[in-house]
Protein backbone atom coordinates (compact mmCIF):
# COMPACT_ATOMS: atom_id res chain seq x y z
CA MET A 1 43.58 -52.04 17.42
CA ARG A 2 44.61 -48.95 15.92
CA PHE A 3 41.16 -47.57 16.62
CA ALA A 4 41.12 -48.28 20.46
CA ARG A 5 43.20 -45.34 21.70
CA PRO A 6 41.34 -42.36 19.86
CA VAL A 7 37.91 -43.93 20.30
CA GLY A 8 38.47 -44.79 23.96
CA LEU A 9 39.68 -41.25 24.83
CA LEU A 10 36.90 -39.72 22.76
CA LEU A 11 34.26 -41.82 24.67
CA SER A 12 35.96 -41.06 27.87
CA ALA A 13 35.70 -37.39 27.15
CA ALA A 14 31.97 -37.72 26.31
CA ALA A 15 31.45 -39.37 29.59
CA VAL A 16 33.10 -36.42 31.37
CA VAL A 17 30.69 -34.03 29.84
CA LEU A 18 27.64 -36.32 30.70
CA TRP A 19 29.02 -36.26 34.35
CA ALA A 20 29.43 -32.42 34.49
CA TYR A 21 25.81 -32.16 33.02
CA GLY A 22 24.67 -34.62 35.72
CA VAL A 23 26.15 -32.66 38.48
CA THR A 24 24.88 -29.23 37.53
CA VAL A 25 21.64 -29.89 35.84
CA LEU A 26 20.25 -33.30 36.71
CA GLN A 27 21.23 -33.43 40.43
CA PRO A 28 19.24 -30.38 41.39
CA LEU A 29 16.22 -31.85 39.90
CA THR A 30 16.34 -34.45 42.61
CA GLU A 31 16.72 -31.98 45.45
CA PRO A 32 13.51 -30.06 45.22
CA ILE A 33 13.01 -30.25 49.10
CA GLY A 34 15.52 -29.21 51.70
CA PRO A 35 16.72 -31.21 54.78
CA TRP A 36 14.25 -29.20 56.82
CA SER A 37 11.30 -30.69 55.17
CA GLU A 38 9.23 -33.64 56.73
CA ARG A 39 8.55 -35.04 53.31
CA LEU A 40 11.51 -37.35 52.77
CA PRO A 41 12.20 -38.60 49.22
CA GLY A 42 11.44 -42.26 48.25
CA ASN A 43 12.83 -45.18 46.24
CA ASN A 44 15.14 -44.11 43.26
CA ALA A 45 14.92 -40.39 44.34
CA TYR A 46 18.64 -39.77 43.45
CA TRP A 47 18.49 -41.13 40.10
CA ALA A 48 20.88 -38.45 38.85
CA ARG A 49 23.55 -39.74 41.20
CA ASP A 50 23.51 -43.16 39.69
CA LEU A 51 23.54 -41.70 36.18
CA ARG A 52 26.56 -39.64 37.24
CA PHE A 53 28.46 -42.61 38.86
CA MET A 54 27.79 -44.71 35.67
CA ALA A 55 29.30 -41.83 33.70
CA ILE A 56 32.33 -42.06 35.91
CA MET A 57 32.44 -45.83 35.28
CA ALA A 58 32.29 -45.01 31.55
CA VAL A 59 35.23 -42.85 31.89
CA ALA A 60 37.17 -45.78 33.33
CA VAL A 61 36.08 -48.20 30.72
CA GLY A 62 37.05 -45.62 27.91
CA LEU A 63 40.60 -45.56 29.48
CA VAL A 64 40.71 -49.37 29.53
CA LEU A 65 39.87 -49.34 25.88
CA ALA A 66 42.20 -46.50 25.06
CA GLY A 67 45.07 -48.50 26.83
CA ARG A 68 44.10 -51.66 24.87
CA GLY A 69 43.76 -53.49 27.97
CA HIS A 70 47.31 -52.80 29.17
CA LEU A 71 47.70 -53.36 32.95
CA ARG A 72 49.03 -49.84 33.63
CA TRP A 73 46.20 -48.24 31.95
CA SER A 74 43.65 -50.37 33.58
CA ARG A 75 44.94 -49.79 37.05
CA SER A 76 45.01 -46.02 36.43
CA ALA A 77 41.50 -46.19 35.14
CA VAL A 78 40.23 -47.92 38.29
CA LEU A 79 42.11 -45.52 40.59
CA LEU A 80 40.79 -42.47 38.49
CA GLY A 81 37.28 -43.76 38.94
CA GLY A 82 37.54 -44.22 42.56
CA CYS A 83 39.08 -40.83 43.06
CA TRP A 84 36.44 -39.25 40.79
CA VAL A 85 33.60 -40.59 42.84
CA ALA A 86 35.04 -39.02 45.91
CA VAL A 87 35.41 -35.65 44.14
CA ASP A 88 31.87 -36.08 42.97
CA VAL A 89 30.48 -36.48 46.40
CA ALA A 90 32.34 -33.26 47.46
CA ILE A 91 31.07 -31.38 44.57
CA ASP A 92 27.41 -32.54 45.13
CA ARG A 93 27.75 -31.23 48.73
CA VAL A 94 28.41 -27.66 47.23
CA ASP A 95 25.44 -27.90 44.86
CA PRO A 96 26.84 -26.13 41.75
CA ILE A 97 24.38 -25.18 39.17
CA GLY A 98 24.38 -23.32 35.91
CA VAL A 99 25.88 -23.40 32.40
CA ARG A 100 29.21 -21.78 33.82
CA ALA A 101 29.47 -24.62 36.40
CA THR A 102 28.76 -27.26 33.62
CA VAL A 103 31.59 -25.90 31.38
CA LEU A 104 34.08 -25.52 34.28
CA LEU A 105 33.42 -29.11 35.47
CA ALA A 106 33.52 -30.41 31.81
CA VAL A 107 36.76 -28.66 30.89
CA GLY A 108 38.33 -29.46 34.33
CA GLY A 109 37.48 -33.23 33.87
CA CYS A 110 38.66 -33.38 30.42
CA ALA A 111 42.04 -31.74 31.39
CA VAL A 112 42.50 -34.28 34.15
CA LEU A 113 41.59 -36.99 31.69
CA GLY A 114 43.97 -35.72 29.02
CA ALA A 115 46.80 -35.31 31.55
CA LEU A 116 46.49 -38.75 32.77
CA ALA A 117 46.36 -40.22 29.27
CA ALA A 118 49.44 -38.15 28.11
CA THR A 119 51.34 -39.39 31.22
CA LEU A 120 50.41 -43.01 30.54
CA TRP A 121 51.40 -42.72 26.77
CA TRP A 122 54.70 -41.08 27.62
CA ARG A 123 55.53 -43.91 30.04
CA GLU A 124 54.72 -46.73 27.60
CA ARG A 125 56.63 -45.36 24.65
CA GLY A 126 58.73 -47.93 23.07
CA ALA A 127 57.02 -50.81 24.90
CA PRO A 128 55.90 -53.62 22.59
CA SER A 129 52.28 -53.30 23.58
CA ALA A 130 52.42 -49.53 22.65
CA GLN A 131 52.76 -50.64 18.95
CA GLY A 132 49.06 -50.46 17.74
CA GLY A 133 49.43 -52.96 15.01
CA GLU A 134 50.27 -55.98 17.32
CA ALA A 135 47.51 -58.31 18.54
CA PRO A 136 46.65 -57.96 22.15
CA SER A 137 47.85 -60.48 24.67
CA ALA A 138 45.70 -63.09 26.35
CA VAL A 139 45.64 -60.86 29.53
CA GLU A 140 44.91 -57.80 27.57
CA ARG A 141 42.05 -59.55 25.89
CA ARG A 142 40.62 -60.81 29.15
CA THR A 143 40.69 -57.27 30.49
CA LEU A 144 38.94 -55.82 27.32
CA THR A 145 36.32 -58.42 27.37
CA GLY A 146 35.81 -57.88 31.09
CA ALA A 147 35.44 -54.18 30.51
CA ALA A 148 32.83 -54.82 27.83
CA CYS A 149 30.87 -57.04 30.20
CA VAL A 150 30.82 -54.29 32.89
CA ALA A 151 29.68 -51.69 30.27
CA GLY A 152 27.06 -54.20 28.93
CA VAL A 153 25.45 -54.77 32.45
CA LEU A 154 25.70 -51.00 33.28
CA THR A 155 23.64 -50.44 29.95
CA LEU A 156 20.88 -52.40 31.36
CA VAL A 157 20.85 -50.42 34.68
CA ALA A 158 20.94 -46.96 32.79
CA ALA A 159 18.24 -47.96 30.45
CA GLY A 160 15.90 -49.10 33.14
CA ILE A 161 16.57 -46.55 35.77
CA GLU A 162 13.47 -44.84 37.40
CA SER A 163 12.44 -42.18 39.74
CA PRO A 164 9.60 -41.83 42.18
CA THR A 165 7.37 -40.16 39.48
CA ASP A 166 9.14 -41.24 36.40
CA ARG A 167 7.87 -38.10 34.65
CA GLU A 168 10.92 -35.96 34.44
CA PRO A 169 11.81 -35.57 30.79
CA GLU A 170 15.43 -35.18 31.75
CA LEU A 171 15.40 -38.69 33.41
CA THR A 172 14.68 -40.32 29.90
CA GLN A 173 17.13 -38.00 28.14
CA GLY A 174 19.93 -38.74 30.61
CA ALA A 175 19.22 -42.63 30.72
CA LEU A 176 19.27 -42.70 26.93
CA ALA A 177 22.54 -40.72 26.59
CA THR A 178 24.22 -42.79 29.30
CA ALA A 179 23.02 -46.15 27.93
CA ALA A 180 23.93 -45.20 24.45
CA LEU A 181 27.54 -44.39 25.41
CA LEU A 182 27.87 -47.57 27.42
CA VAL A 183 26.68 -49.58 24.42
CA VAL A 184 29.27 -48.11 22.21
CA LEU A 185 31.99 -48.73 24.86
CA ALA A 186 30.87 -52.36 25.30
CA VAL A 187 31.02 -53.08 21.53
CA GLY A 188 34.20 -51.20 21.05
CA ALA A 189 36.01 -52.99 24.07
CA ALA A 190 34.74 -56.41 22.61
CA LEU A 191 35.98 -55.62 19.06
CA ALA A 192 39.41 -54.48 20.50
CA ALA A 193 39.64 -57.86 22.44
CA ALA A 194 39.24 -59.80 19.17
CA PRO A 195 42.64 -61.54 18.17
CA ALA A 196 42.24 -59.96 14.59
CA ARG A 197 39.78 -57.55 12.96
CA SER A 198 38.00 -58.78 10.01
CA ARG A 199 35.13 -57.42 7.85
CA ALA A 200 32.85 -60.07 9.47
CA ARG A 201 33.72 -58.86 13.06
CA VAL A 202 33.44 -55.18 12.07
CA GLY A 203 30.16 -55.85 10.45
CA LEU A 204 29.00 -57.75 13.51
CA ALA A 205 29.97 -54.92 15.77
CA ALA A 206 28.05 -52.38 13.78
CA GLY A 207 25.04 -54.61 13.76
CA LEU A 208 25.23 -55.34 17.46
CA ALA A 209 25.58 -51.61 18.24
CA VAL A 210 22.54 -50.84 16.34
CA ALA A 211 20.48 -53.64 17.82
CA ALA A 212 21.48 -52.72 21.38
CA LEU A 213 20.65 -48.89 20.78
CA VAL A 214 17.18 -49.92 19.48
CA GLY A 215 16.91 -52.16 22.48
CA VAL A 216 17.84 -49.20 24.90
CA GLY A 217 14.98 -47.22 23.20
CA LEU A 218 12.57 -50.06 23.54
CA VAL A 219 13.37 -50.47 27.29
CA ARG A 220 12.66 -46.66 27.87
CA ALA A 221 9.43 -46.85 25.78
CA VAL A 222 8.04 -49.38 28.24
CA GLY A 223 6.38 -48.05 31.25
CA PRO A 224 8.17 -48.20 34.70
CA GLY A 225 7.82 -51.41 36.57
CA THR A 226 7.38 -53.47 33.43
CA ARG A 227 10.82 -53.20 32.03
CA LEU A 228 12.36 -56.49 33.34
CA LEU A 229 11.52 -58.52 30.30
CA PRO A 230 13.06 -56.09 27.69
CA GLU A 231 16.04 -55.42 29.95
CA THR A 232 16.67 -59.17 30.11
CA ALA A 233 16.39 -59.42 26.28
CA LEU A 234 18.78 -56.34 25.80
CA GLY A 235 21.30 -57.99 28.14
CA ALA A 236 21.13 -61.29 26.54
CA VAL A 237 21.73 -59.75 22.99
CA LEU A 238 24.37 -57.38 24.11
CA LEU A 239 26.54 -59.80 26.20
CA THR A 240 26.20 -62.68 23.61
CA GLY A 241 27.31 -60.17 21.01
CA VAL A 242 30.34 -59.53 23.24
CA THR A 243 31.44 -62.99 23.31
CA LEU A 244 30.92 -63.29 19.46
CA LEU A 245 33.22 -60.32 18.93
CA ALA A 246 35.86 -61.11 21.58
CA TRP A 247 36.17 -64.80 21.31
CA ASP A 248 38.24 -66.81 18.88
CA TRP A 249 36.88 -68.06 15.61
CA PRO A 250 38.87 -71.31 14.87
CA GLY A 251 38.59 -71.90 11.09
CA GLY A 252 37.21 -68.53 10.59
CA ARG A 253 33.79 -69.05 12.30
CA PRO A 254 32.54 -68.94 15.89
CA ILE A 255 32.04 -72.25 17.91
CA TRP A 256 28.35 -72.03 18.26
CA ARG A 257 27.81 -74.42 21.12
CA HIS A 258 30.21 -72.23 23.36
CA HIS A 259 28.22 -69.07 22.32
CA ALA A 260 24.92 -70.82 23.08
CA LEU A 261 26.16 -71.57 26.62
CA ALA A 262 27.32 -67.83 26.84
CA ALA A 263 23.80 -66.72 25.56
CA LEU A 264 22.17 -68.80 28.49
CA ALA A 265 24.57 -67.09 30.98
CA ALA A 266 23.77 -63.63 29.38
CA LEU A 267 20.12 -64.25 29.79
CA LEU A 268 20.01 -65.28 33.32
CA GLY A 269 23.25 -63.98 34.75
CA PRO A 270 22.76 -60.11 34.85
CA VAL A 271 19.22 -60.21 36.36
CA ALA A 272 20.17 -62.72 38.94
CA PHE A 273 23.34 -60.88 40.05
CA LEU A 274 21.56 -57.46 40.01
CA LEU A 275 18.86 -58.81 42.41
CA ALA A 276 21.50 -60.48 44.68
CA THR A 277 23.59 -57.36 44.96
CA ALA A 278 20.53 -55.22 45.52
CA ILE A 279 19.05 -57.46 48.21
CA SER A 280 22.55 -57.61 49.74
CA MET A 281 22.94 -53.83 50.04
CA MET A 282 19.46 -53.20 51.22
CA ILE A 283 19.91 -55.75 54.11
CA LEU A 284 23.67 -55.78 55.03
CA LEU A 285 25.28 -52.88 53.41
CA PRO A 286 23.26 -49.58 53.16
CA ILE A 287 26.00 -47.80 51.17
CA GLY A 288 23.59 -45.60 49.39
CA ALA A 289 22.51 -43.90 52.57
CA THR A 290 26.11 -43.08 53.35
CA PHE A 291 26.59 -41.54 50.07
CA THR A 292 23.41 -39.47 50.60
CA GLU A 293 24.60 -38.27 54.03
CA LEU A 294 28.16 -37.40 52.66
CA ALA A 295 26.71 -35.39 49.99
CA GLY A 296 24.44 -33.56 52.51
CA ASN A 297 21.21 -34.61 50.88
CA SER A 298 17.84 -35.59 52.51
CA PRO A 299 17.88 -39.09 53.65
CA ILE A 300 15.41 -41.65 52.03
CA ASN A 301 12.12 -42.35 53.81
CA ALA A 302 12.44 -45.12 56.37
CA ALA A 303 9.86 -47.18 54.54
CA ASP A 304 11.87 -47.16 51.49
CA SER A 305 15.50 -48.12 50.62
CA ASP A 306 18.36 -45.81 49.37
CA LEU A 307 19.74 -48.33 46.87
CA LEU A 308 22.85 -47.30 44.75
CA VAL A 309 21.85 -49.12 41.61
CA SER A 310 25.10 -47.98 39.86
CA LEU A 311 27.19 -49.95 42.31
CA CYS A 312 24.77 -52.96 41.84
CA GLY A 313 25.43 -52.70 38.16
CA LEU A 314 29.18 -52.56 38.53
CA LEU A 315 29.37 -55.47 40.86
CA SER A 316 27.15 -57.52 38.53
CA GLY A 317 29.19 -56.45 35.52
CA LEU A 318 32.36 -57.81 37.24
CA ALA A 319 30.55 -61.06 37.95
CA MET A 320 29.55 -61.49 34.41
CA ALA A 321 33.19 -60.69 33.52
CA LEU A 322 34.28 -63.78 35.48
CA LEU A 323 31.91 -65.93 33.64
CA LEU A 324 32.56 -64.47 30.15
CA ALA A 325 36.16 -63.18 30.21
CA ARG A 326 38.15 -65.08 32.96
CA PRO A 327 38.61 -68.37 31.12
CA ALA A 328 41.43 -68.39 28.60
CA VAL A 329 40.20 -66.64 25.51
CA ILE A 330 42.60 -68.16 23.04
CA ASP A 331 41.52 -71.77 23.73
CA ARG A 332 38.24 -72.33 25.23
CA ARG A 333 38.02 -76.08 24.64
């Protein structure tokens, strides 16, 4: 568990930089027309917004990892993520652009992150959970496993994100960077949730990270509209790997029948939850259109839908966390 704090904070800082780049470089690419134009954007037009929101979610997951699943760190991570989204919408309305804006936002975001981490570290000094050598409690393990599930499902969303034309080179670059960061967060949180580290678990974590990163590249290599199958396979591999890393190994080896059931859930669950949340948002809760209006951007064409796929990924990740992390991780029999 000693690796969790520095790695979590480093990955959160990297997510801050990705967010700043998304605000000042990627977002202007999705706004080539003004609100005065009669040509309204279509489906997935604001893909940069979803990449930014997923970067903000990565900041929160990194804080959970840095806090080793402790309740105070996890609550602060959720609160920071919500406030950060509100700040993002306000900044998007201003439309910052250029290298100077990127640097200012990145430095400011890292300063906020560092101040929060320093405050949390100071408040937990001397507490038993602050001792990095101790094994995580059952609650902390569930929190870390749930964070790994959220990052795993968000990886699928980031890897498969599309635009109306899908020809922007920055789209693939941003999707690959965001998905790769989420892969590392998912594997790191799952390894931190393990009752004890061993060479076998560390080797499995390294192999899982490599396999998932290759899977992300394969998903992006497939043409838009045909990514469902590779995304499903990527989710099955990544989330099954999360359970192999985070769950107990009685007698020094996994209980394979339990992981077989987890693999089935990882194969079917993410796609089913993503579809369910997407349909619900399109019909019952058009929250994407609300964010578009708050940011002062052009509304989506009435024939299309303004879907916030990053929120779909978050809700689906939480649903997968209920399946794979909520049961007692110490004794799954």
